[in-house]
Protein backbone atom coordinates (compact mmCIF):
# COMPACT_ATOMS: atom_id res chain seq x y z
CA MET A 1 -175.14 7.18 27.07
CA ASP A 2 -178.84 7.88 26.74
CA SER A 3 -178.62 11.67 26.91
CA TRP A 4 -176.35 11.63 23.87
CA MET A 5 -178.50 9.33 21.75
CA GLN A 6 -180.84 10.75 19.12
CA SER A 7 -183.56 10.52 21.79
CA GLY A 8 -181.43 12.73 24.04
CA ARG A 9 -183.07 15.90 22.74
CA GLU A 10 -186.46 14.72 23.95
CA ASN A 11 -184.98 13.91 27.35
CA THR A 12 -183.52 17.42 27.61
CA LEU A 13 -186.84 18.96 26.57
CA GLN A 14 -188.52 17.08 29.41
CA ALA A 15 -185.88 18.35 31.85
CA ILE A 16 -186.50 21.93 30.67
CA ALA A 17 -190.28 21.56 30.84
CA ALA A 18 -190.04 20.19 34.38
CA GLY A 19 -188.95 23.63 35.52
CA GLY A 20 -186.80 24.13 38.56
CA GLU A 21 -183.61 26.14 38.72
CA TRP A 22 -180.40 25.25 36.95
CA ASP A 23 -177.03 26.18 38.39
CA MET A 24 -175.81 27.44 35.04
CA LEU A 25 -177.48 28.19 31.72
CA VAL A 26 -174.98 28.38 28.85
CA ILE A 27 -176.17 30.11 25.69
CA GLY A 28 -174.13 29.07 22.66
CA GLY A 29 -173.07 25.67 21.35
CA GLY A 30 -169.70 26.52 19.85
CA ILE A 31 -166.31 25.61 21.29
CA THR A 32 -166.45 28.26 24.04
CA GLY A 33 -169.90 27.27 25.28
CA ALA A 34 -168.98 23.59 25.06
CA GLY A 35 -165.83 24.22 27.10
CA VAL A 36 -167.73 26.14 29.79
CA ALA A 37 -170.37 23.40 30.05
CA ARG A 38 -167.68 20.75 30.26
CA GLU A 39 -165.77 22.49 33.07
CA ALA A 40 -168.90 23.33 35.09
CA ALA A 41 -170.50 19.90 34.71
CA ARG A 42 -167.39 18.05 35.84
CA GLN A 43 -167.75 19.89 39.17
CA GLY A 44 -171.29 18.61 39.66
CA MET A 45 -173.09 21.77 38.57
CA LYS A 46 -176.56 21.36 37.07
CA VAL A 47 -175.85 22.72 33.57
CA LEU A 48 -178.07 23.38 30.57
CA LEU A 49 -176.55 24.45 27.23
CA VAL A 50 -178.82 25.80 24.49
CA GLU A 51 -177.83 26.55 20.90
CA GLN A 52 -180.08 28.58 18.60
CA ARG A 53 -179.10 26.65 15.47
CA ASP A 54 -176.88 23.59 15.39
CA TYR A 55 -173.83 22.80 17.48
CA ALA A 56 -170.77 24.57 16.00
CA TRP A 57 -173.06 26.27 13.46
CA GLY A 58 -171.36 29.63 13.95
CA THR A 59 -167.65 30.33 13.97
CA SER A 60 -166.68 26.93 15.42
CA SER A 61 -167.30 25.02 12.19
CA ARG A 62 -165.88 27.72 9.92
CA SER A 63 -162.45 28.42 11.39
CA SER A 64 -159.14 27.86 9.62
CA LYS A 65 -158.96 24.46 11.38
CA MET A 66 -155.74 25.45 13.10
CA VAL A 67 -154.85 24.79 16.72
CA HIS A 68 -151.91 27.13 16.88
CA GLY A 69 -149.88 29.19 19.26
CA GLY A 70 -150.05 32.30 17.14
CA LEU A 71 -146.71 33.44 15.78
CA ARG A 72 -148.28 36.78 14.91
CA TYR A 73 -149.06 37.35 18.61
CA LEU A 74 -145.47 36.55 19.49
CA ALA A 75 -144.22 38.97 16.84
CA ALA A 76 -146.52 41.62 18.34
CA GLY A 77 -144.98 41.06 21.76
CA ASN A 78 -147.92 39.18 23.30
CA PHE A 79 -145.77 36.55 25.01
CA ARG A 80 -148.44 35.57 27.53
CA LEU A 81 -151.09 34.68 24.94
CA THR A 82 -148.54 32.85 22.81
CA SER A 83 -147.17 30.86 25.74
CA HIS A 84 -150.64 29.80 26.87
CA SER A 85 -151.66 28.92 23.32
CA VAL A 86 -148.58 26.83 22.59
CA LYS A 87 -148.97 24.88 25.84
CA GLU A 88 -152.66 24.25 25.15
CA ARG A 89 -151.78 23.13 21.63
CA GLU A 90 -149.39 20.54 23.05
CA ARG A 91 -152.02 19.43 25.58
CA LEU A 92 -154.66 18.93 22.89
CA MET A 93 -152.30 16.94 20.68
CA ASN A 94 -151.42 14.70 23.62
CA GLU A 95 -155.02 14.21 24.79
CA ALA A 96 -156.77 13.85 21.44
CA PRO A 97 -154.39 12.35 18.88
CA GLY A 98 -156.22 11.80 15.63
CA LEU A 99 -158.46 14.80 16.29
CA VAL A 100 -155.76 17.40 16.97
CA ASP A 101 -152.57 16.52 15.13
CA LEU A 102 -149.19 18.09 14.53
CA MET A 103 -148.95 19.72 11.12
CA PRO A 104 -145.72 20.99 9.59
CA TYR A 105 -145.79 24.60 8.49
CA VAL A 106 -143.30 26.20 6.14
CA TRP A 107 -142.43 29.82 5.44
CA PRO A 108 -140.68 30.39 2.09
CA HIS A 109 -138.01 33.11 2.14
CA TYR A 110 -137.63 35.30 -0.94
CA GLU A 111 -135.00 37.94 -1.58
CA GLY A 112 -136.01 41.36 -0.31
CA THR A 113 -138.92 40.11 1.80
CA PHE A 114 -139.46 40.20 5.56
CA PRO A 115 -138.75 38.37 7.77
CA PRO A 116 -135.33 37.09 6.68
CA PRO A 117 -134.34 33.56 7.80
CA LEU A 118 -132.25 34.70 10.79
CA VAL A 119 -135.01 36.87 12.28
CA PHE A 120 -137.67 34.27 11.65
CA ASN A 121 -135.66 31.46 13.20
CA THR A 122 -134.96 33.59 16.27
CA LEU A 123 -138.71 34.09 16.68
CA LEU A 124 -139.27 30.35 16.27
CA GLY A 125 -136.68 29.66 18.95
CA ILE A 126 -138.99 31.37 21.48
CA TYR A 127 -142.00 29.53 20.02
CA ASP A 128 -140.28 26.17 20.45
CA PHE A 129 -139.13 27.12 23.96
CA PHE A 130 -142.77 27.59 25.02
CA ALA A 131 -143.60 24.15 23.57
CA GLY A 132 -140.63 22.38 25.12
CA GLN A 133 -139.95 20.93 21.66
CA ARG A 134 -137.69 21.79 18.76
CA TYR A 135 -139.74 21.88 15.58
CA ARG A 136 -137.93 24.53 13.55
CA GLN A 137 -135.58 23.69 10.70
CA TYR A 138 -134.19 25.75 7.84
CA PHE A 139 -133.98 24.31 4.31
CA PRO A 140 -131.90 25.86 1.51
CA LYS A 141 -133.52 26.47 -1.87
CA ALA A 142 -133.02 23.01 -3.39
CA GLU A 143 -134.47 21.24 -0.38
CA ALA A 144 -137.36 23.72 -0.15
CA GLN A 145 -138.27 22.97 -3.75
CA TYR A 146 -138.14 19.24 -2.98
CA LEU A 147 -140.56 19.73 -0.08
CA LEU A 148 -142.88 21.90 -2.20
CA PRO A 149 -142.22 21.02 -5.85
CA HIS A 150 -144.56 23.63 -7.35
CA LEU A 151 -143.27 26.53 -5.25
CA ARG A 152 -142.31 29.69 -7.14
CA SER A 153 -138.53 29.47 -7.58
CA GLU A 154 -137.77 33.04 -8.68
CA LYS A 155 -135.69 34.78 -5.96
CA LEU A 156 -136.33 31.89 -3.55
CA ARG A 157 -133.64 31.74 -0.85
CA GLY A 158 -134.93 28.78 1.14
CA ALA A 159 -137.68 27.95 3.59
CA THR A 160 -138.12 27.47 7.32
CA ARG A 161 -140.25 24.65 8.64
CA PHE A 162 -141.97 24.92 12.01
CA ALA A 163 -145.04 23.30 13.53
CA ASP A 164 -148.55 23.92 14.80
CA ALA A 165 -151.59 21.66 14.80
CA VAL A 166 -154.68 21.02 12.70
CA THR A 167 -158.15 19.75 13.64
CA ASP A 168 -161.69 19.28 12.43
CA ASP A 169 -163.16 22.13 14.46
CA SER A 170 -166.74 20.87 14.39
CA ARG A 171 -165.71 17.38 15.55
CA LEU A 172 -163.72 19.02 18.36
CA VAL A 173 -166.90 20.76 19.55
CA MET A 174 -168.85 17.51 19.41
CA ARG A 175 -166.30 15.63 21.46
CA VAL A 176 -166.21 18.35 24.13
CA LEU A 177 -170.02 18.39 24.26
CA TYR A 178 -170.01 14.62 24.70
CA GLU A 179 -167.64 14.97 27.66
CA ALA A 180 -169.91 17.63 29.18
CA SER A 181 -172.96 15.43 28.66
CA LYS A 182 -171.20 12.44 30.19
CA ASP A 183 -170.61 14.54 33.31
CA GLY A 184 -174.31 15.37 33.54
CA ALA A 185 -174.79 18.50 31.43
CA HIS A 186 -177.91 18.72 29.28
CA VAL A 187 -177.23 20.08 25.79
CA ILE A 188 -179.79 20.89 23.12
CA ASN A 189 -179.62 22.37 19.64
CA TYR A 190 -182.25 24.44 17.83
CA MET A 191 -183.27 26.11 21.09
CA GLN A 192 -183.29 29.89 20.65
CA ALA A 193 -182.53 32.09 23.65
CA GLU A 194 -184.93 34.99 23.08
CA LYS A 195 -184.88 37.32 26.07
CA LEU A 196 -183.38 37.47 29.52
CA LEU A 197 -185.45 37.05 32.66
CA GLU A 198 -184.78 39.70 35.32
CA GLU A 199 -185.84 40.06 38.92
CA ASN A 200 -184.67 42.73 41.36
CA ASN A 201 -182.26 44.17 38.79
CA ARG A 202 -180.58 40.81 38.31
CA VAL A 203 -180.60 38.25 35.50
CA VAL A 204 -182.25 35.04 36.72
CA GLY A 205 -182.69 33.11 33.51
CA CYS A 206 -183.82 33.30 29.92
CA GLU A 207 -186.89 32.73 27.80
CA VAL A 208 -186.10 30.10 25.16
CA ARG A 209 -188.02 28.92 22.12
CA ASP A 210 -187.76 25.47 20.54
CA ALA A 211 -187.20 26.17 16.83
CA LEU A 212 -188.57 22.74 15.90
CA ASN A 213 -191.99 22.97 17.57
CA GLN A 214 -192.17 26.63 18.71
CA GLN A 215 -192.66 25.75 22.38
CA VAL A 216 -191.56 28.53 24.73
CA PHE A 217 -189.99 27.90 28.14
CA ASN A 218 -188.77 30.12 30.95
CA VAL A 219 -185.45 28.69 32.09
CA ARG A 220 -184.28 29.89 35.50
CA ALA A 221 -180.62 29.70 36.48
CA LYS A 222 -178.33 30.99 39.23
CA VAL A 223 -176.02 32.32 36.53
CA VAL A 224 -176.42 32.76 32.77
CA VAL A 225 -173.36 32.51 30.53
CA SER A 226 -173.55 34.04 27.05
CA ALA A 227 -170.96 32.29 24.87
CA THR A 228 -172.46 33.48 21.62
CA GLY A 229 -169.28 34.72 19.94
CA ALA A 230 -169.94 37.35 17.32
CA TRP A 231 -173.52 37.72 18.64
CA ALA A 232 -172.34 38.57 22.17
CA ASP A 233 -173.59 42.17 22.10
CA LYS A 234 -177.25 41.16 21.71
CA PHE A 235 -178.03 40.39 25.35
CA ARG A 236 -175.57 42.90 26.82
CA LYS A 237 -177.23 45.72 24.89
CA SER A 238 -180.63 44.61 26.22
CA LEU A 239 -179.21 45.31 29.69
CA GLY A 240 -177.97 48.75 28.68
CA ALA A 241 -174.32 47.89 28.04
CA SER A 242 -172.47 49.30 25.04
CA ALA A 243 -171.48 47.22 22.00
CA LYS A 244 -167.97 45.76 22.15
CA ILE A 245 -167.78 43.19 19.35
CA ARG A 246 -166.31 43.81 15.90
CA PRO A 247 -167.39 40.87 13.71
CA LEU A 248 -164.70 40.04 11.14
CA ARG A 249 -165.36 37.65 8.28
CA GLY A 250 -162.75 35.08 7.34
CA SER A 251 -163.40 33.23 4.08
CA HIS A 252 -161.75 30.15 2.56
CA ILE A 253 -161.76 28.23 -0.69
CA VAL A 254 -161.40 24.44 -0.95
CA VAL A 255 -159.74 22.81 -3.98
CA PRO A 256 -158.81 19.18 -4.74
CA SER A 257 -155.42 18.22 -3.38
CA TRP A 258 -154.32 16.98 -6.80
CA ARG A 259 -154.81 20.49 -8.21
CA LEU A 260 -152.68 22.11 -5.53
CA PRO A 261 -150.72 19.38 -3.74
CA VAL A 262 -149.11 20.51 -0.49
CA SER A 263 -147.88 18.16 2.21
CA MET A 264 -147.70 20.91 4.84
CA SER A 265 -149.22 24.29 5.56
CA VAL A 266 -147.54 27.02 3.56
CA THR A 267 -147.56 30.50 5.08
CA LEU A 268 -147.32 33.48 2.76
CA HIS A 269 -147.77 37.21 2.57
CA HIS A 270 -150.45 38.13 0.08
CA PRO A 271 -148.97 40.08 -2.87
CA ASP A 272 -151.68 42.75 -2.63
CA ASP A 273 -151.62 43.80 1.03
CA LYS A 274 -148.92 41.63 2.69
CA ARG A 275 -151.44 39.95 5.01
CA ALA A 276 -150.43 36.50 6.22
CA LEU A 277 -152.43 33.64 4.70
CA PHE A 278 -152.19 29.86 4.67
CA ILE A 279 -152.41 27.19 2.01
CA PHE A 280 -152.77 23.90 3.84
CA PRO A 281 -153.81 20.25 3.49
CA TRP A 282 -157.01 19.30 5.29
CA GLU A 283 -159.03 16.10 5.10
CA GLY A 284 -157.63 15.16 1.70
CA MET A 285 -158.29 18.65 0.27
CA THR A 286 -156.27 21.85 0.00
CA VAL A 287 -157.63 24.98 1.68
CA ILE A 288 -156.62 28.59 1.00
CA GLY A 289 -157.52 31.19 3.61
CA THR A 290 -158.27 33.40 5.24
CA THR A 291 -159.55 36.88 4.55
CA ASP A 292 -160.11 39.42 7.32
CA LEU A 293 -162.97 41.80 6.56
CA ASP A 294 -165.58 43.64 8.60
CA ASN A 295 -168.92 41.83 8.62
CA PRO A 296 -171.27 44.16 10.51
CA GLU A 297 -174.53 42.61 9.25
CA LEU A 298 -174.86 39.44 11.31
CA GLY A 299 -178.50 38.50 11.73
CA THR A 300 -179.20 34.76 11.70
CA THR A 301 -178.20 34.07 8.10
CA GLU A 302 -174.93 32.39 7.31
CA PRO A 303 -171.89 34.41 6.22
CA HIS A 304 -170.60 33.68 2.73
CA ILE A 305 -167.65 34.47 0.56
CA THR A 306 -167.76 37.35 -1.93
CA GLN A 307 -166.37 37.39 -5.46
CA GLN A 308 -163.68 39.83 -4.34
CA GLU A 309 -162.56 37.35 -1.69
CA VAL A 310 -162.51 34.48 -4.18
CA ASP A 311 -160.29 36.51 -6.49
CA TYR A 312 -158.09 37.57 -3.57
CA LEU A 313 -157.53 34.00 -2.39
CA LEU A 314 -156.90 32.71 -5.90
CA ARG A 315 -154.25 35.40 -6.40
CA ALA A 316 -152.54 34.18 -3.24
CA GLY A 317 -152.40 30.64 -4.60
CA GLN A 318 -151.30 31.77 -8.04
CA SER A 319 -148.56 34.01 -6.66
CA LEU A 320 -146.88 31.21 -4.71
CA PHE A 321 -147.65 28.30 -7.06
CA PRO A 322 -147.81 29.90 -10.54
CA SER A 323 -147.18 26.67 -12.47
CA VAL A 324 -150.35 25.10 -11.05
CA ASN A 325 -152.56 27.59 -12.95
CA LEU A 326 -155.28 27.52 -10.30
CA THR A 327 -158.62 28.93 -11.48
CA GLU A 328 -162.10 29.45 -10.10
CA ALA A 329 -163.22 26.26 -11.89
CA ASP A 330 -161.01 24.25 -9.49
CA ILE A 331 -162.97 25.34 -6.39
CA ILE A 332 -165.07 22.54 -4.88
CA SER A 333 -166.56 24.57 -2.05
CA THR A 334 -166.13 27.67 0.07
CA PHE A 335 -166.80 28.51 3.69
CA ALA A 336 -166.84 31.73 5.67
CA GLY A 337 -166.96 32.38 9.39
CA VAL A 338 -167.30 35.48 11.53
CA ARG A 339 -164.67 35.94 14.21
CA PRO A 340 -165.81 37.72 17.41
CA ILE A 341 -163.09 40.33 17.90
CA VAL A 342 -163.30 42.68 20.87
CA SER A 343 -162.91 46.04 19.16
CA SER A 344 -160.16 48.47 20.03
CA GLY A 345 -161.08 50.84 17.23
CA ALA A 346 -158.18 49.86 14.95
CA LEU A 347 -158.64 50.95 11.35
CA ASN A 348 -157.11 47.73 10.02
CA PRO A 349 -159.18 44.67 11.02
CA SER A 350 -156.05 42.50 11.11
CA ALA A 351 -154.55 44.80 13.75
CA GLU A 352 -157.25 43.97 16.30
CA LYS A 353 -156.20 41.81 19.25
CA ARG A 354 -157.44 38.23 19.55
CA ASP A 355 -157.60 38.04 23.36
CA HIS A 356 -160.88 37.05 24.97
CA SER A 357 -162.89 39.34 27.23
CA ILE A 358 -165.45 38.64 29.95
CA TRP A 359 -168.17 40.95 31.25
CA ASP A 360 -170.56 40.55 34.17
CA ASP A 361 -173.83 42.45 33.69
CA LYS A 362 -176.23 41.82 36.57
CA GLY A 363 -175.63 38.08 36.55
CA LEU A 364 -175.17 37.68 32.81
CA ILE A 365 -171.60 36.52 32.23
CA THR A 366 -170.61 37.25 28.63
CA VAL A 367 -167.46 35.85 27.05
CA SER A 368 -166.22 36.65 23.57
CA GLY A 369 -163.04 36.79 21.55
CA GLY A 370 -160.13 34.43 22.08
CA LYS A 371 -158.81 31.49 20.16
CA LEU A 372 -159.97 27.97 19.38
CA THR A 373 -156.74 26.69 20.93
CA THR A 374 -157.33 28.18 24.37
CA PHE A 375 -160.97 27.24 24.91
CA ARG A 376 -160.15 25.36 28.15
CA LEU A 377 -158.42 28.41 29.67
CA ILE A 378 -161.27 30.67 28.52
CA ALA A 379 -163.76 28.34 30.21
CA LEU A 380 -161.83 28.51 33.48
CA ASP A 381 -161.85 32.31 33.30
CA VAL A 382 -165.63 32.18 32.87
CA LEU A 383 -165.90 30.00 35.96
CA LYS A 384 -163.89 32.58 37.91
CA ALA A 385 -166.49 35.20 36.97
CA ALA A 386 -169.38 32.81 37.71
CA LYS A 387 -168.00 31.92 41.15
CA HIS A 388 -169.64 35.06 42.54
CA TYR A 389 -173.01 33.36 41.88
CA LEU A 390 -171.89 29.74 42.37
CA PRO A 391 -169.46 29.77 45.33
CA ALA A 392 -168.90 26.00 45.05
CA LEU A 393 -167.15 26.43 41.69
CA ASN A 394 -163.41 25.85 41.60
CA ALA A 395 -161.88 27.84 38.75
CA GLN A 396 -158.31 26.84 39.53
CA ASP A 397 -156.27 25.44 36.66
CA TYR A 398 -154.78 22.25 38.02
CA GLY A 399 -154.11 20.73 34.61
CA GLN A 400 -157.32 18.72 34.42
CA SER A 401 -157.76 16.68 31.25
CA ILE A 402 -160.30 17.81 28.70
CA PHE A 403 -160.92 14.36 27.26
CA THR A 404 -161.42 10.93 28.78
CA PRO A 405 -158.67 8.63 27.46
CA VAL A 406 -159.71 5.90 25.04
CA GLU A 407 -158.89 2.73 26.95
CA HIS A 408 -159.63 0.11 24.32
CA VAL A 409 -160.28 -0.39 20.63
CA PRO A 410 -163.35 -2.49 19.69
CA VAL A 411 -162.60 -5.82 18.05
CA LEU A 412 -164.18 -4.76 14.76
CA MET A 413 -162.02 -1.63 14.66
CA GLN A 414 -158.85 -3.64 15.19
CA LYS A 415 -159.12 -4.74 11.57
CA LEU A 416 -158.29 -1.18 10.48
CA ASN A 417 -154.79 0.19 10.03
CA LYS A 418 -153.30 2.01 13.02
CA GLN A 419 -153.59 5.44 11.41
CA LEU A 420 -157.34 5.06 10.85
CA GLN A 421 -157.81 3.63 14.36
CA ARG A 422 -156.04 6.70 15.70
CA ARG A 423 -158.18 9.08 13.65
CA LEU A 424 -161.48 7.49 14.67
CA SER A 425 -160.46 7.27 18.33
CA GLY A 426 -159.65 10.99 18.21
CA PHE A 427 -162.89 11.94 16.50
CA TYR A 428 -165.16 9.87 18.74
CA GLY A 429 -163.37 9.11 22.00
CA GLU A 430 -165.44 6.71 24.07
CA GLN A 431 -168.06 6.64 21.33
CA ILE A 432 -165.90 4.34 19.21
CA ASP A 433 -168.03 1.48 20.57
CA THR A 434 -171.20 2.92 19.07
CA LEU A 435 -169.30 3.78 15.88
CA SER A 436 -168.19 0.17 15.67
CA GLN A 437 -171.81 -0.95 15.98
CA CYS A 438 -172.61 1.17 12.93
CA ALA A 439 -169.67 -0.36 11.09
CA ALA A 440 -171.18 -3.79 11.76
CA ILE A 441 -173.96 -2.64 9.40
CA ASP A 442 -172.03 -0.58 6.84
CA GLY A 443 -168.55 -2.06 7.12
CA TRP A 444 -165.63 0.35 6.98
CA ASP A 445 -166.41 1.53 3.46
CA VAL A 446 -165.27 5.04 2.55
CA VAL A 447 -167.49 7.64 0.90
CA PRO A 448 -165.71 7.89 -2.48
CA GLY A 449 -163.49 10.94 -2.85
CA THR A 450 -163.32 11.61 0.91
CA LEU A 451 -161.78 10.31 4.12
CA THR A 452 -165.25 9.83 5.65
CA LEU A 453 -166.72 6.38 6.31
CA TRP A 454 -170.35 5.46 5.71
CA ALA A 455 -170.38 4.17 9.29
CA GLN A 456 -169.63 7.73 10.44
CA VAL A 457 -172.65 9.00 8.53
CA ARG A 458 -174.91 6.44 10.18
CA HIS A 459 -173.38 7.15 13.59
CA ALA A 460 -174.07 10.88 13.26
CA LEU A 461 -177.71 10.21 12.44
CA ARG A 462 -178.11 7.71 15.25
CA HIS A 463 -176.18 9.40 18.06
CA GLU A 464 -175.43 13.09 17.39
CA HIS A 465 -178.66 15.11 17.51
CA VAL A 466 -179.01 15.63 13.74
CA GLN A 467 -182.18 17.67 13.15
CA HIS A 468 -181.61 18.85 9.57
CA LEU A 469 -179.60 17.48 6.69
CA ASP A 470 -177.12 20.36 6.78
CA ASP A 471 -176.22 19.31 10.36
CA LEU A 472 -175.07 16.00 8.90
CA MET A 473 -173.40 17.22 5.70
CA LEU A 474 -171.67 20.37 6.96
CA ARG A 475 -170.84 19.72 10.62
CA ARG A 476 -171.13 16.09 11.84
CA THR A 477 -169.36 15.10 8.65
CA ARG A 478 -167.85 17.57 6.18
CA LEU A 479 -169.10 15.82 3.04
CA GLY A 480 -170.59 19.09 1.83
CA LEU A 481 -167.11 20.64 1.74
CA TYR A 482 -165.32 17.66 0.16
CA LEU A 483 -167.70 16.63 -2.61
CA PRO A 484 -168.70 18.47 -5.81
CA LYS A 485 -172.08 20.18 -5.58
CA GLY A 486 -172.26 19.36 -1.89
CA GLY A 487 -172.44 15.60 -2.42
CA GLU A 488 -175.31 15.55 -4.88
CA ALA A 489 -174.06 12.26 -6.39
CA PHE A 490 -174.71 10.46 -3.08
CA ALA A 491 -178.12 11.96 -2.33
CA GLY A 492 -179.91 8.63 -2.78
CA ARG A 493 -177.84 6.71 -0.25
CA ILE A 494 -177.82 9.57 2.26
CA LYS A 495 -181.60 9.94 2.10
CA ALA A 496 -181.96 6.17 2.57
CA LEU A 497 -179.86 6.37 5.74
CA CYS A 498 -182.02 9.24 7.02
CA GLU A 499 -185.13 7.14 6.45
CA GLN A 500 -183.60 4.27 8.43
CA GLU A 501 -182.12 6.20 11.35
CA LEU A 502 -184.39 9.25 11.70
CA ALA A 503 -187.62 7.65 10.50
CA TRP A 504 -188.01 10.41 7.92
CA SER A 505 -190.53 9.77 5.16
CA ALA A 506 -189.42 9.88 1.54
CA GLU A 507 -191.17 13.27 1.26
CA LYS A 508 -189.35 14.60 4.34
CA CYS A 509 -186.02 13.37 2.95
CA GLN A 510 -186.61 15.16 -0.33
CA GLN A 511 -187.63 18.37 1.45
CA GLU A 512 -184.50 18.21 3.60
CA TRP A 513 -182.28 17.62 0.58
CA GLN A 514 -183.77 20.61 -1.21
CA ARG A 515 -183.28 22.71 1.92
CA TYR A 516 -179.67 21.59 2.26
CA ALA A 517 -178.96 22.11 -1.45
CA GLY A 518 -180.22 25.68 -1.15
CA ILE A 519 -177.99 26.34 1.87
CA TRP A 520 -174.99 24.84 0.10
CA GLN A 521 -175.50 26.84 -3.10
CA GLN A 522 -175.99 30.12 -1.26
CA PHE A 523 -173.34 29.86 1.45
CA TYR A 524 -170.83 27.15 0.50
CA GLY A 525 -170.66 27.42 -3.27
CA LEU A 526 -169.24 30.19 -5.42
CA PRO A 527 -170.67 33.70 -5.11
CA GLY A 528 -172.68 33.44 -8.32
CA ASN A 529 -175.02 31.15 -6.38
CA ASN A 530 -175.71 33.55 -3.52
CA GLN A 531 -177.19 36.47 -5.36
C-alpha cells in the first residue's frame, strides 16, 4: 500500500502540513504506540503516530525478545497479570506463527537451591492451566544433561522444561504498524514531539519538528496519547504532574551459538545476587541477559552496557556452563534497553511491579509500564481512557485479531522450505508479495553467518521507511547484532543497495556508514568503545 512505501513518509508529511484536526495523535513508535494506533485506526479514527527517532528505537528493539506470561509475577501472587499474559502469548503464537514462536525453557535444579522440583512444577501447573496447554515436564539428571550437554553437573538433580515464546521485537512493531497503516493510520518516524498545545486548560495537540528537514508543525487532535515508555514523565511534568517513571536498564550480550550452544532458553539464578536470568537461542545466536539497574539519565542518547554488566553476564554463563570457558572475546555484540517501570519506591529495582499505568492530564493520555506480551490489552485500556474525548471509540475486548491472516504464499516463495515460508510470512504478513518481488532481484540468498536474506535487506530499504543506515542494520534487520563489527565485511554490498533503493550518492552512503559504525561501536559493542 502506498502509505507504507518509502514514499509514504512524504505522503504523511503532506497530510500533517494540510492541517485540520486529527482524532488521535499518538506520540511514540514502540510496541505500545503501535498497538494504540492499530486499535484506534481499525475503528475508523483519524490517527497520526509520530516517533522522535526510528520505529522501535527505544525499548521495543532492545527487550529480551520474550513473549512470556511471567512466572515471576505468578510467584509473586499476581494471578491476573499472569493469566492475561499467558492468554495473549497463546494468541500471538496462533496469529503470527514464524514471528512469535513457542520456545522451550528449562530450569535446572541443583541440591540446596530454591525452588525444588515439586514446588516449581506446582507453579507450572497453574501456568499451564492459564494457557490451556500442558508444557511442563521434569527430566532426571541424565536426561537433563542430554538436553543441555554442557550444563554444570555438580549437584545437579534434574531439570524442568516449560514453555513461553520468543520473537523479534522490532519486527513485531513493524508488523503492527503495517496493520495500523492498512486501516488508515498515518505513521512517521524522525518526527519529534516538542511541546504540547493547550487551550482553555486542555491539551489540544502538539508542536512537532521534522528531524530530517527541521520543519515545525502544529498538530491538533481531539486526544493526545503519550506512549513514550521510559520518557513518559516529560510531557506530564510540563503539565504540572509529578514524575512516576523509574527507568531500569536491562543489558544483554550476544555470542555465537557454537560457543555456547543451547537448544532452549535456560533460566538460572545468578551466583552473585540470585536474580533470575536467561541464556537463550535467538536468530542463530545465543543471548545472555538481562541486568536490572537504575538508569536515571535518559536524554536522547542510546543506553549501553557497562563493563560491570559484561562481567556480571559472563559470570552467569560461566557458572552454568563452566566447560565452555566463555570469555569477553566471544562477544559479537551487546544491546541495552531501558524499561519504563512505574515506581513504587522499592529499594531493589527487580522488586518493582511490571503492570502498566494510565494517566489523564487535561486531555493528555499517558501510558507506561507493562509488558511486550500484553500490548493489545494495554492499547484497549488506553482507548477506554480516550473514550471521554472520542465517544465513538469502542474499548471492549471482543477478541479481535491483531494481524490479518496470510491467505496465500507467492509462487516464488513456494520454492522455499516450509519453515522459511512460515518465518517470512510471520515477519511480513501481507507484505510477503512485496518481499517476493525483491527476491526476484536478489534470489533467496542468505547474508552469510545470519538467518537474514538479502531480499529482506532490499525490502526494508524499499518499503519500510529507512531514513538512516542504523534503521536498516539494527531494527529492520538485526545484522548489526549478528555480524562481527556490526557487519563491516558487507559494507560494500549494503551501500550499493542503498544507492539503488534510496538514491543515496556514494558520498551519502559513506557518511551513513561512518555514522552507523560510530553508533555500533558506542552502543552495541563492548564498553571499551563507548568511553
